[in-house]
Structures are given as structure tokens and as C-alpha cells.
Amino acid sequence: MKLFSSLFGNASPPTVRNQTSPQAQAQLPPLEHYLALAIRNSRALTPRGEAVVADYLRDFAQAPGLRPDPAQARARDAADLALNIRAAELLRAPLSPRRTLAAFAGELHRNALLQKARHDAVVSMRELCREMSLALANTGDECAWCRDNDGRRFSVMEDPNELLARHCTCAPYAWATFHPAIKAFDA
């Protein structure tokens, strides 16, 4: 009777499992953490430059594809100009003539977004699998370590950003991504 009632009577709808559990959510550092790491690890900025660029990114960085209203766009243009004028005092060494300090700050922001997304994806993978595999975008710009380790399996307990920081020399950032490693079925 219990089987019959469980199959047909008062059956509750199936529950959908969250993408990330509360424990996994607690392991997800905020974007500010990755911005601070990107700024500090760039080694291109003076200590004062690190503070100014951090403030600039906090005030004007936004997700790609969002259009600010005209007043925000004017404020950002003014901040870009002010930041670029102060570049000489904020940088340890000058940037190439084609790169502005505002563009460099944008690169740091994109780097932080990529590192956060990579880390968050691996934290969610921990609920699904034990291993992740390295996959390349095949742009032709990958470093030797990435090419040699394409398809290699790593434990999902490893931090992908630390792994790439230790070994990857792709510029300006790592082209590799990590995916859940799936075992091939035995024939």
C-alpha cells in the first residue's frame, strides 16, 4: 500500500537540486577578492596606484554588455581621462604607448572576472565529480604547459587559479578552462 500511495497518491513534485549548496556558496569569494589579487599580482602599479585603480574599478567597473546611462558614461569618461593623466605617478614603469591606464584597469577587471568564474565553476563541480579536465580554446596562443596538459585530469579539490598561476604562461591570461572529467563507458 505504501508503494501504491507513493506512486500515485499525494506525490509531491520532484525537487530540483540547487546548482551550489550552502556549503559551496560559503566557499565562493566575492569579486573584490579577485580584483585585489589581480591588482596586487600585476606588479605594474605603485602602492598609491593600487589604491587609485581599486577605487576606479569599484566605481566604474561593470559587467560587459551593460550600457550606462549618459550621465554615468560622461562620469566614466572623465574618470578615464583623470586616471590616464595620473598614469606616470601610479605606474612603476610606463605602459606601451597604445595602452592607457584605464584600458589596463579594464584588463585587470576581466582577469578578476575570469578567475572568479573559474573558481566558482570548480566549486560547483565538486558536487558532481571528483576530477576535472583541462580543455583548451585552441586559439594557437596557448603556452607549452597548457598544450601538454590538454585533456589531463586534475582533482576538483585543487584551486584552478593556483594551478594555472604556478604553471601557465599564456598571455595576457590563461586560455584554458576546466570541465568535469567524464569516464568513458567500457565497451
N, C-alpha and C. Protein backbone atom coordinates (compact mmCIF):
# COMPACT_ATOMS: atom_id res chain seq x y z
N MET A 1 0.81 -1.18 0.00
CA MET A 1 0.00 0.00 0.00
C MET A 1 0.87 1.26 0.00
N LYS A 2 1.98 1.24 0.76
CA LYS A 2 2.87 2.39 0.79
C LYS A 2 3.46 2.66 -0.59
N LEU A 3 3.80 1.59 -1.29
CA LEU A 3 4.34 1.74 -2.64
C LEU A 3 3.30 2.37 -3.55
N PHE A 4 2.04 1.87 -3.47
CA PHE A 4 0.99 2.41 -4.31
C PHE A 4 0.74 3.88 -4.01
N SER A 5 0.67 4.23 -2.73
CA SER A 5 0.41 5.64 -2.39
C SER A 5 1.60 6.52 -2.75
N SER A 6 2.80 5.96 -2.65
CA SER A 6 3.95 6.78 -3.03
C SER A 6 4.01 7.00 -4.52
N LEU A 7 3.47 6.05 -5.29
CA LEU A 7 3.49 6.21 -6.74
C LEU A 7 2.36 7.10 -7.24
N PHE A 8 1.16 6.99 -6.63
CA PHE A 8 0.01 7.67 -7.19
C PHE A 8 -0.66 8.68 -6.26
N GLY A 9 -0.53 8.53 -4.99
CA GLY A 9 -1.27 9.41 -4.09
C GLY A 9 -0.40 10.47 -3.46
N ASN A 10 -0.90 11.68 -3.49
CA ASN A 10 -0.24 12.82 -2.85
C ASN A 10 1.26 12.89 -3.16
N ALA A 11 1.60 12.61 -4.34
CA ALA A 11 3.01 12.67 -4.73
C ALA A 11 3.43 14.13 -4.85
N SER A 12 4.49 14.46 -4.18
CA SER A 12 4.99 15.83 -4.28
C SER A 12 5.85 15.95 -5.53
N PRO A 13 5.90 17.13 -6.10
CA PRO A 13 6.72 17.30 -7.31
C PRO A 13 8.19 17.06 -6.97
N PRO A 14 8.92 16.59 -7.95
CA PRO A 14 10.34 16.34 -7.69
C PRO A 14 11.05 17.64 -7.33
N THR A 15 12.00 17.52 -6.44
CA THR A 15 12.75 18.69 -6.04
C THR A 15 13.92 18.88 -6.99
N VAL A 16 14.19 20.12 -7.29
CA VAL A 16 15.30 20.45 -8.17
C VAL A 16 16.48 20.80 -7.27
N ARG A 17 17.58 20.15 -7.50
CA ARG A 17 18.77 20.39 -6.69
C ARG A 17 19.41 21.71 -7.08
N ASN A 18 19.80 22.48 -6.09
CA ASN A 18 20.46 23.76 -6.35
C ASN A 18 21.78 23.52 -7.05
N GLN A 19 22.17 24.49 -7.87
CA GLN A 19 23.45 24.40 -8.55
C GLN A 19 24.60 24.36 -7.55
N THR A 20 24.47 25.16 -6.49
CA THR A 20 25.51 25.16 -5.48
C THR A 20 24.86 25.08 -4.11
N SER A 21 25.36 24.21 -3.27
CA SER A 21 24.83 24.03 -1.93
C SER A 21 25.25 25.20 -1.05
N PRO A 22 24.64 25.31 0.14
CA PRO A 22 25.06 26.39 1.05
C PRO A 22 26.54 26.30 1.42
N GLN A 23 27.07 25.09 1.55
CA GLN A 23 28.49 24.95 1.85
C GLN A 23 29.33 25.49 0.70
N ALA A 24 28.91 25.18 -0.53
CA ALA A 24 29.65 25.66 -1.70
C ALA A 24 29.54 27.19 -1.80
N GLN A 25 28.34 27.74 -1.48
CA GLN A 25 28.18 29.18 -1.53
C GLN A 25 29.13 29.87 -0.56
N ALA A 26 29.37 29.24 0.59
CA ALA A 26 30.28 29.83 1.57
C ALA A 26 31.73 29.85 1.07
N GLN A 27 32.06 28.99 0.11
CA GLN A 27 33.42 28.90 -0.41
C GLN A 27 33.65 29.86 -1.59
N LEU A 28 32.66 30.61 -1.98
CA LEU A 28 32.79 31.48 -3.15
C LEU A 28 33.21 32.89 -2.72
N PRO A 29 34.49 33.22 -2.89
CA PRO A 29 34.93 34.57 -2.52
C PRO A 29 34.28 35.61 -3.44
N PRO A 30 34.08 36.82 -2.94
CA PRO A 30 33.48 37.86 -3.77
C PRO A 30 34.45 38.34 -4.84
N LEU A 31 33.92 39.05 -5.82
CA LEU A 31 34.73 39.58 -6.91
C LEU A 31 35.82 40.51 -6.38
N GLU A 32 35.54 41.24 -5.32
CA GLU A 32 36.53 42.17 -4.76
C GLU A 32 37.82 41.45 -4.38
N HIS A 33 37.69 40.20 -3.90
CA HIS A 33 38.87 39.40 -3.55
C HIS A 33 39.75 39.20 -4.79
N TYR A 34 39.13 38.84 -5.90
CA TYR A 34 39.88 38.60 -7.12
C TYR A 34 40.42 39.89 -7.73
N LEU A 35 39.68 41.00 -7.57
CA LEU A 35 40.19 42.29 -8.04
C LEU A 35 41.45 42.67 -7.26
N ALA A 36 41.41 42.48 -5.95
CA ALA A 36 42.58 42.80 -5.13
C ALA A 36 43.77 41.94 -5.54
N LEU A 37 43.53 40.65 -5.79
CA LEU A 37 44.62 39.77 -6.23
C LEU A 37 45.17 40.19 -7.59
N ALA A 38 44.29 40.52 -8.53
CA ALA A 38 44.74 40.92 -9.87
C ALA A 38 45.57 42.19 -9.80
N ILE A 39 45.13 43.14 -8.99
CA ILE A 39 45.86 44.41 -8.86
C ILE A 39 47.21 44.17 -8.22
N ARG A 40 47.23 43.39 -7.13
CA ARG A 40 48.49 43.15 -6.41
C ARG A 40 49.46 42.34 -7.26
N ASN A 41 48.95 41.34 -7.97
CA ASN A 41 49.82 40.47 -8.76
C ASN A 41 50.29 41.10 -10.06
N SER A 42 49.70 42.21 -10.46
CA SER A 42 50.12 42.85 -11.71
C SER A 42 51.54 43.40 -11.60
N ARG A 43 51.93 43.80 -10.42
CA ARG A 43 53.26 44.35 -10.14
C ARG A 43 53.59 45.56 -11.01
N ALA A 44 52.62 46.11 -11.69
CA ALA A 44 52.85 47.27 -12.54
C ALA A 44 52.52 48.57 -11.82
N LEU A 45 51.74 48.48 -10.74
CA LEU A 45 51.27 49.67 -10.07
C LEU A 45 52.04 49.95 -8.79
N THR A 46 52.22 51.23 -8.50
CA THR A 46 52.80 51.62 -7.21
C THR A 46 51.74 51.37 -6.14
N PRO A 47 52.12 51.40 -4.86
CA PRO A 47 51.09 51.23 -3.82
C PRO A 47 49.96 52.26 -3.94
N ARG A 48 50.30 53.51 -4.24
CA ARG A 48 49.26 54.52 -4.44
C ARG A 48 48.43 54.19 -5.68
N GLY A 49 49.08 53.69 -6.71
CA GLY A 49 48.37 53.30 -7.93
C GLY A 49 47.40 52.15 -7.68
N GLU A 50 47.80 51.21 -6.83
CA GLU A 50 46.90 50.09 -6.48
C GLU A 50 45.62 50.62 -5.85
N ALA A 51 45.75 51.57 -4.93
CA ALA A 51 44.58 52.13 -4.26
C ALA A 51 43.69 52.91 -5.24
N VAL A 52 44.32 53.71 -6.10
CA VAL A 52 43.55 54.51 -7.06
C VAL A 52 42.82 53.62 -8.06
N VAL A 53 43.50 52.60 -8.59
CA VAL A 53 42.87 51.70 -9.56
C VAL A 53 41.78 50.88 -8.88
N ALA A 54 41.98 50.47 -7.63
CA ALA A 54 40.93 49.74 -6.91
C ALA A 54 39.68 50.61 -6.75
N ASP A 55 39.87 51.88 -6.40
CA ASP A 55 38.72 52.80 -6.28
C ASP A 55 38.05 53.01 -7.64
N TYR A 56 38.85 53.16 -8.68
CA TYR A 56 38.33 53.35 -10.03
C TYR A 56 37.48 52.15 -10.44
N LEU A 57 38.00 50.94 -10.21
CA LEU A 57 37.26 49.74 -10.60
C LEU A 57 36.00 49.57 -9.75
N ARG A 58 36.07 49.91 -8.48
CA ARG A 58 34.89 49.80 -7.63
C ARG A 58 33.79 50.73 -8.14
N ASP A 59 34.17 51.93 -8.58
CA ASP A 59 33.18 52.91 -9.02
C ASP A 59 32.70 52.71 -10.45
N PHE A 60 33.58 52.22 -11.33
CA PHE A 60 33.23 52.24 -12.75
C PHE A 60 33.25 50.89 -13.46
N ALA A 61 33.73 49.83 -12.81
CA ALA A 61 33.72 48.52 -13.47
C ALA A 61 32.29 48.02 -13.50
N GLN A 62 31.92 47.41 -14.59
CA GLN A 62 30.59 46.85 -14.72
C GLN A 62 30.67 45.62 -15.59
N ALA A 63 29.61 44.85 -15.54
CA ALA A 63 29.58 43.64 -16.35
C ALA A 63 29.58 44.02 -17.83
N PRO A 64 30.28 43.23 -18.66
CA PRO A 64 30.31 43.53 -20.09
C PRO A 64 28.91 43.51 -20.70
N GLY A 65 28.67 44.40 -21.61
CA GLY A 65 27.40 44.43 -22.31
C GLY A 65 26.36 45.36 -21.69
N LEU A 66 26.61 45.83 -20.47
CA LEU A 66 25.66 46.76 -19.85
C LEU A 66 25.94 48.16 -20.35
N ARG A 67 24.88 48.87 -20.66
CA ARG A 67 25.03 50.24 -21.15
C ARG A 67 24.70 51.21 -20.03
N PRO A 68 25.65 52.03 -19.65
CA PRO A 68 25.34 53.02 -18.61
C PRO A 68 24.49 54.14 -19.21
N ASP A 69 23.77 54.84 -18.34
CA ASP A 69 23.01 55.98 -18.85
C ASP A 69 24.01 57.09 -19.23
N PRO A 70 23.58 58.09 -19.97
CA PRO A 70 24.51 59.12 -20.45
C PRO A 70 25.30 59.82 -19.34
N ALA A 71 24.67 60.06 -18.19
CA ALA A 71 25.39 60.73 -17.10
C ALA A 71 26.51 59.83 -16.57
N GLN A 72 26.23 58.52 -16.44
CA GLN A 72 27.26 57.59 -16.00
C GLN A 72 28.39 57.49 -17.03
N ALA A 73 28.02 57.50 -18.30
CA ALA A 73 29.03 57.42 -19.36
C ALA A 73 29.95 58.64 -19.32
N ARG A 74 29.38 59.83 -19.11
CA ARG A 74 30.20 61.05 -19.01
C ARG A 74 31.11 60.99 -17.78
N ALA A 75 30.57 60.50 -16.66
CA ALA A 75 31.38 60.38 -15.44
C ALA A 75 32.52 59.39 -15.64
N ARG A 76 32.23 58.31 -16.34
CA ARG A 76 33.29 57.32 -16.59
C ARG A 76 34.35 57.89 -17.53
N ASP A 77 33.92 58.60 -18.56
CA ASP A 77 34.89 59.22 -19.48
C ASP A 77 35.80 60.20 -18.74
N ALA A 78 35.23 60.98 -17.84
CA ALA A 78 36.02 61.92 -17.05
C ALA A 78 36.99 61.17 -16.13
N ALA A 79 36.52 60.06 -15.52
CA ALA A 79 37.38 59.26 -14.65
C ALA A 79 38.50 58.61 -15.46
N ASP A 80 38.19 58.13 -16.68
CA ASP A 80 39.22 57.54 -17.55
C ASP A 80 40.30 58.58 -17.87
N LEU A 81 39.89 59.78 -18.21
CA LEU A 81 40.83 60.84 -18.55
C LEU A 81 41.70 61.19 -17.33
N ALA A 82 41.07 61.32 -16.17
CA ALA A 82 41.83 61.64 -14.95
C ALA A 82 42.81 60.53 -14.60
N LEU A 83 42.38 59.29 -14.77
CA LEU A 83 43.25 58.15 -14.48
C LEU A 83 44.43 58.12 -15.45
N ASN A 84 44.17 58.34 -16.72
CA ASN A 84 45.25 58.31 -17.71
C ASN A 84 46.24 59.46 -17.52
N ILE A 85 45.77 60.62 -17.06
CA ILE A 85 46.67 61.75 -16.80
C ILE A 85 47.61 61.42 -15.65
N ARG A 86 47.12 60.67 -14.66
CA ARG A 86 47.93 60.33 -13.48
C ARG A 86 48.76 59.06 -13.69
N ALA A 87 48.76 58.50 -14.87
CA ALA A 87 49.43 57.22 -15.11
C ALA A 87 50.90 57.24 -14.72
N ALA A 88 51.58 58.32 -14.99
CA ALA A 88 53.02 58.39 -14.71
C ALA A 88 53.31 58.23 -13.22
N GLU A 89 52.46 58.78 -12.37
CA GLU A 89 52.70 58.68 -10.93
C GLU A 89 52.18 57.38 -10.33
N LEU A 90 51.30 56.68 -11.02
CA LEU A 90 50.68 55.48 -10.47
C LEU A 90 51.33 54.19 -10.92
N LEU A 91 52.15 54.25 -11.96
CA LEU A 91 52.77 53.05 -12.51
C LEU A 91 54.25 52.97 -12.14
N ARG A 92 54.73 51.77 -11.97
CA ARG A 92 56.17 51.55 -11.71
C ARG A 92 56.98 51.78 -12.99
N ALA A 93 56.43 51.35 -14.11
CA ALA A 93 57.07 51.52 -15.41
C ALA A 93 55.97 51.92 -16.40
N PRO A 94 56.29 52.72 -17.39
CA PRO A 94 55.25 53.16 -18.33
C PRO A 94 54.68 51.99 -19.14
N LEU A 95 53.42 52.12 -19.49
CA LEU A 95 52.77 51.14 -20.36
C LEU A 95 53.20 51.41 -21.79
N SER A 96 52.90 50.48 -22.66
CA SER A 96 53.19 50.72 -24.07
C SER A 96 52.36 51.91 -24.54
N PRO A 97 52.81 52.61 -25.56
CA PRO A 97 52.10 53.82 -26.00
C PRO A 97 50.64 53.59 -26.39
N ARG A 98 50.30 52.40 -26.78
CA ARG A 98 48.92 52.14 -27.21
C ARG A 98 47.99 51.76 -26.06
N ARG A 99 48.54 51.50 -24.89
CA ARG A 99 47.71 51.11 -23.75
C ARG A 99 47.56 52.26 -22.78
N THR A 100 46.34 52.54 -22.42
CA THR A 100 46.07 53.55 -21.41
C THR A 100 45.95 52.87 -20.05
N LEU A 101 46.02 53.65 -19.01
CA LEU A 101 45.86 53.08 -17.67
C LEU A 101 44.42 52.60 -17.47
N ALA A 102 43.45 53.28 -18.07
CA ALA A 102 42.06 52.84 -17.98
C ALA A 102 41.88 51.49 -18.67
N ALA A 103 42.55 51.30 -19.82
CA ALA A 103 42.48 50.01 -20.51
C ALA A 103 43.16 48.93 -19.68
N PHE A 104 44.27 49.25 -19.04
CA PHE A 104 44.97 48.32 -18.17
C PHE A 104 44.07 47.93 -16.99
N ALA A 105 43.35 48.90 -16.42
CA ALA A 105 42.42 48.61 -15.33
C ALA A 105 41.30 47.69 -15.81
N GLY A 106 40.85 47.91 -17.04
CA GLY A 106 39.83 47.02 -17.61
C GLY A 106 40.34 45.60 -17.77
N GLU A 107 41.62 45.46 -18.15
CA GLU A 107 42.22 44.12 -18.26
C GLU A 107 42.29 43.45 -16.89
N LEU A 108 42.63 44.21 -15.86
CA LEU A 108 42.66 43.66 -14.51
C LEU A 108 41.27 43.20 -14.08
N HIS A 109 40.25 43.97 -14.45
CA HIS A 109 38.87 43.60 -14.12
C HIS A 109 38.46 42.32 -14.83
N ARG A 110 38.78 42.21 -16.12
CA ARG A 110 38.46 40.98 -16.86
C ARG A 110 39.19 39.78 -16.28
N ASN A 111 40.45 39.97 -15.89
CA ASN A 111 41.23 38.90 -15.29
C ASN A 111 40.55 38.44 -13.99
N ALA A 112 40.10 39.38 -13.18
CA ALA A 112 39.43 39.04 -11.93
C ALA A 112 38.12 38.30 -12.20
N LEU A 113 37.37 38.75 -13.21
CA LEU A 113 36.12 38.06 -13.56
C LEU A 113 36.39 36.62 -14.00
N LEU A 114 37.43 36.43 -14.81
CA LEU A 114 37.77 35.07 -15.27
C LEU A 114 38.19 34.17 -14.11
N GLN A 115 39.00 34.70 -13.20
CA GLN A 115 39.44 33.89 -12.07
C GLN A 115 38.27 33.52 -11.16
N LYS A 116 37.37 34.46 -10.92
CA LYS A 116 36.20 34.16 -10.09
C LYS A 116 35.32 33.13 -10.77
N ALA A 117 35.06 33.29 -12.04
CA ALA A 117 34.22 32.33 -12.76
C ALA A 117 34.85 30.94 -12.76
N ARG A 118 36.15 30.87 -12.96
CA ARG A 118 36.85 29.58 -12.95
C ARG A 118 36.74 28.91 -11.58
N HIS A 119 36.97 29.68 -10.53
CA HIS A 119 36.89 29.12 -9.17
C HIS A 119 35.47 28.69 -8.83
N ASP A 120 34.48 29.53 -9.14
CA ASP A 120 33.09 29.20 -8.84
C ASP A 120 32.63 27.95 -9.59
N ALA A 121 33.08 27.80 -10.83
CA ALA A 121 32.71 26.61 -11.61
C ALA A 121 33.27 25.35 -10.99
N VAL A 122 34.50 25.41 -10.52
CA VAL A 122 35.11 24.22 -9.91
C VAL A 122 34.45 23.90 -8.58
N VAL A 123 34.06 24.92 -7.82
CA VAL A 123 33.35 24.66 -6.56
C VAL A 123 32.04 23.94 -6.85
N SER A 124 31.31 24.34 -7.90
CA SER A 124 30.08 23.62 -8.25
C SER A 124 30.36 22.23 -8.79
N MET A 125 31.50 22.04 -9.43
CA MET A 125 31.86 20.71 -9.94
C MET A 125 32.09 19.73 -8.80
N ARG A 126 32.50 20.22 -7.65
CA ARG A 126 32.81 19.34 -6.52
C ARG A 126 31.62 18.51 -6.09
N GLU A 127 30.41 18.99 -6.37
CA GLU A 127 29.21 18.23 -6.04
C GLU A 127 28.91 17.15 -7.08
N LEU A 128 29.49 17.28 -8.26
CA LEU A 128 29.16 16.39 -9.36
C LEU A 128 30.22 15.33 -9.64
N CYS A 129 31.46 15.64 -9.43
CA CYS A 129 32.53 14.73 -9.85
C CYS A 129 33.75 14.90 -8.96
N ARG A 130 34.69 14.02 -9.14
CA ARG A 130 35.93 14.06 -8.36
C ARG A 130 37.10 14.63 -9.15
N GLU A 131 36.98 14.63 -10.47
CA GLU A 131 38.06 15.10 -11.32
C GLU A 131 37.55 16.10 -12.35
N MET A 132 38.45 16.99 -12.73
CA MET A 132 38.16 17.94 -13.80
C MET A 132 39.25 17.78 -14.85
N SER A 133 38.92 18.10 -16.07
CA SER A 133 39.93 18.00 -17.12
C SER A 133 40.16 19.38 -17.72
N LEU A 134 41.40 19.59 -18.11
CA LEU A 134 41.80 20.85 -18.73
C LEU A 134 41.41 20.81 -20.20
N ALA A 135 40.78 21.86 -20.66
CA ALA A 135 40.38 21.95 -22.07
C ALA A 135 40.87 23.28 -22.64
N LEU A 136 41.39 23.24 -23.84
CA LEU A 136 41.91 24.44 -24.49
C LEU A 136 40.90 25.03 -25.45
N ALA A 137 41.02 26.33 -25.66
CA ALA A 137 40.18 27.01 -26.64
C ALA A 137 40.75 26.87 -28.04
N ASN A 138 41.98 26.35 -28.15
CA ASN A 138 42.67 26.16 -29.43
C ASN A 138 42.76 27.45 -30.24
N THR A 139 43.26 28.48 -29.59
CA THR A 139 43.45 29.76 -30.27
C THR A 139 44.82 29.82 -30.95
N GLY A 140 45.71 28.93 -30.55
CA GLY A 140 47.07 28.96 -31.07
C GLY A 140 47.99 29.79 -30.20
N ASP A 141 47.43 30.48 -29.21
CA ASP A 141 48.22 31.31 -28.31
C ASP A 141 48.51 30.64 -26.98
N GLU A 142 48.19 29.36 -26.85
CA GLU A 142 48.38 28.66 -25.58
C GLU A 142 49.87 28.42 -25.32
N CYS A 143 50.22 28.40 -24.04
CA CYS A 143 51.62 28.14 -23.67
C CYS A 143 51.89 26.63 -23.78
N ALA A 144 53.15 26.27 -23.65
CA ALA A 144 53.55 24.86 -23.78
C ALA A 144 52.92 24.00 -22.69
N TRP A 145 52.83 24.52 -21.46
CA TRP A 145 52.25 23.73 -20.37
C TRP A 145 50.79 23.41 -20.66
N CYS A 146 50.03 24.40 -21.12
CA CYS A 146 48.61 24.17 -21.44
C CYS A 146 48.46 23.16 -22.58
N ARG A 147 49.28 23.29 -23.62
CA ARG A 147 49.19 22.34 -24.74
C ARG A 147 49.54 20.92 -24.28
N ASP A 148 50.57 20.80 -23.44
CA ASP A 148 50.99 19.48 -22.97
C ASP A 148 49.97 18.83 -22.04
N ASN A 149 49.18 19.64 -21.35
CA ASN A 149 48.23 19.10 -20.37
C ASN A 149 46.78 19.15 -20.84
N ASP A 150 46.57 19.41 -22.12
CA ASP A 150 45.22 19.41 -22.68
C ASP A 150 44.59 18.03 -22.46
N GLY A 151 43.44 17.99 -21.80
CA GLY A 151 42.75 16.74 -21.53
C GLY A 151 43.19 16.05 -20.25
N ARG A 152 44.24 16.53 -19.62
CA ARG A 152 44.72 15.92 -18.38
C ARG A 152 43.70 16.13 -17.26
N ARG A 153 43.61 15.13 -16.39
CA ARG A 153 42.68 15.19 -15.27
C ARG A 153 43.38 15.70 -14.02
N PHE A 154 42.65 16.54 -13.28
CA PHE A 154 43.11 17.07 -12.01
C PHE A 154 42.00 16.87 -10.99
N SER A 155 42.36 16.82 -9.74
CA SER A 155 41.36 16.71 -8.68
C SER A 155 40.57 18.01 -8.60
N VAL A 156 39.26 17.90 -8.34
CA VAL A 156 38.46 19.12 -8.20
C VAL A 156 38.75 19.83 -6.89
N MET A 157 39.51 19.21 -6.03
CA MET A 157 39.89 19.86 -4.77
C MET A 157 41.01 20.89 -4.98
N GLU A 158 41.68 20.83 -6.12
CA GLU A 158 42.73 21.81 -6.42
C GLU A 158 42.07 23.11 -6.85
N ASP A 159 42.71 24.21 -6.51
CA ASP A 159 42.23 25.52 -6.94
C ASP A 159 42.74 25.75 -8.37
N PRO A 160 41.85 25.90 -9.35
CA PRO A 160 42.31 26.05 -10.73
C PRO A 160 43.15 27.29 -10.96
N ASN A 161 42.86 28.37 -10.23
CA ASN A 161 43.63 29.60 -10.40
C ASN A 161 45.06 29.43 -9.90
N GLU A 162 45.23 28.73 -8.78
CA GLU A 162 46.58 28.48 -8.27
C GLU A 162 47.34 27.55 -9.21
N LEU A 163 46.65 26.56 -9.73
CA LEU A 163 47.26 25.61 -10.66
C LEU A 163 47.78 26.35 -11.89
N LEU A 164 46.97 27.21 -12.47
CA LEU A 164 47.38 27.97 -13.65
C LEU A 164 48.44 29.01 -13.31
N ALA A 165 48.35 29.62 -12.13
CA ALA A 165 49.36 30.61 -11.74
C ALA A 165 50.74 29.97 -11.59
N ARG A 166 50.77 28.73 -11.12
CA ARG A 166 52.06 28.04 -10.95
C ARG A 166 52.68 27.62 -12.27
N HIS A 167 51.86 27.22 -13.25
CA HIS A 167 52.40 26.58 -14.44
C HIS A 167 52.15 27.33 -15.75
N CYS A 168 51.02 27.96 -15.90
CA CYS A 168 50.61 28.55 -17.18
C CYS A 168 51.34 29.87 -17.43
N THR A 169 51.81 30.04 -18.66
CA THR A 169 52.46 31.30 -19.05
C THR A 169 51.74 31.97 -20.23
N CYS A 170 50.48 31.59 -20.46
CA CYS A 170 49.70 32.22 -21.52
C CYS A 170 49.56 33.71 -21.23
N ALA A 171 49.61 34.53 -22.27
CA ALA A 171 49.47 35.97 -22.10
C ALA A 171 48.34 36.46 -22.99
N PRO A 172 47.52 37.36 -22.58
CA PRO A 172 47.54 38.06 -21.30
C PRO A 172 46.90 37.27 -20.17
N TYR A 173 46.18 36.20 -20.46
CA TYR A 173 45.58 35.37 -19.43
C TYR A 173 45.46 33.95 -19.97
N ALA A 174 45.16 33.02 -19.07
CA ALA A 174 45.07 31.61 -19.45
C ALA A 174 43.87 31.38 -20.35
N TRP A 175 44.10 30.68 -21.45
CA TRP A 175 43.03 30.35 -22.39
C TRP A 175 42.33 29.05 -22.00
N ALA A 176 42.90 28.32 -21.08
CA ALA A 176 42.37 27.01 -20.71
C ALA A 176 41.17 27.13 -19.78
N THR A 177 40.29 26.15 -19.87
CA THR A 177 39.15 26.05 -18.97
C THR A 177 39.14 24.64 -18.38
N PHE A 178 38.40 24.49 -17.32
CA PHE A 178 38.27 23.18 -16.68
C PHE A 178 36.83 22.71 -16.80
N HIS A 179 36.68 21.41 -17.12
CA HIS A 179 35.36 20.79 -17.26
C HIS A 179 35.34 19.54 -16.43
N PRO A 180 34.14 19.09 -16.03
CA PRO A 180 34.07 17.82 -15.29
C PRO A 180 34.66 16.70 -16.15
N ALA A 181 35.49 15.88 -15.54
CA ALA A 181 36.08 14.74 -16.26
C ALA A 181 35.04 13.63 -16.27
N ILE A 182 34.74 13.15 -17.44
CA ILE A 182 33.73 12.10 -17.59
C ILE A 182 34.43 10.82 -18.00
N LYS A 183 34.13 9.75 -17.27
CA LYS A 183 34.72 8.47 -17.61
C LYS A 183 34.05 7.92 -18.86
N ALA A 184 34.85 7.35 -19.72
CA ALA A 184 34.32 6.70 -20.92
C ALA A 184 33.73 5.36 -20.50
N PHE A 185 32.61 5.00 -21.09
CA PHE A 185 31.98 3.73 -20.76
C PHE A 185 32.78 2.59 -21.36
N ASP A 186 32.93 1.54 -20.58
CA ASP A 186 33.64 0.36 -21.07
C ASP A 186 32.78 -0.37 -22.08
N ALA A 187 33.37 -0.80 -23.15
CA ALA A 187 32.60 -1.48 -24.20
C ALA A 187 32.44 -2.95 -23.89
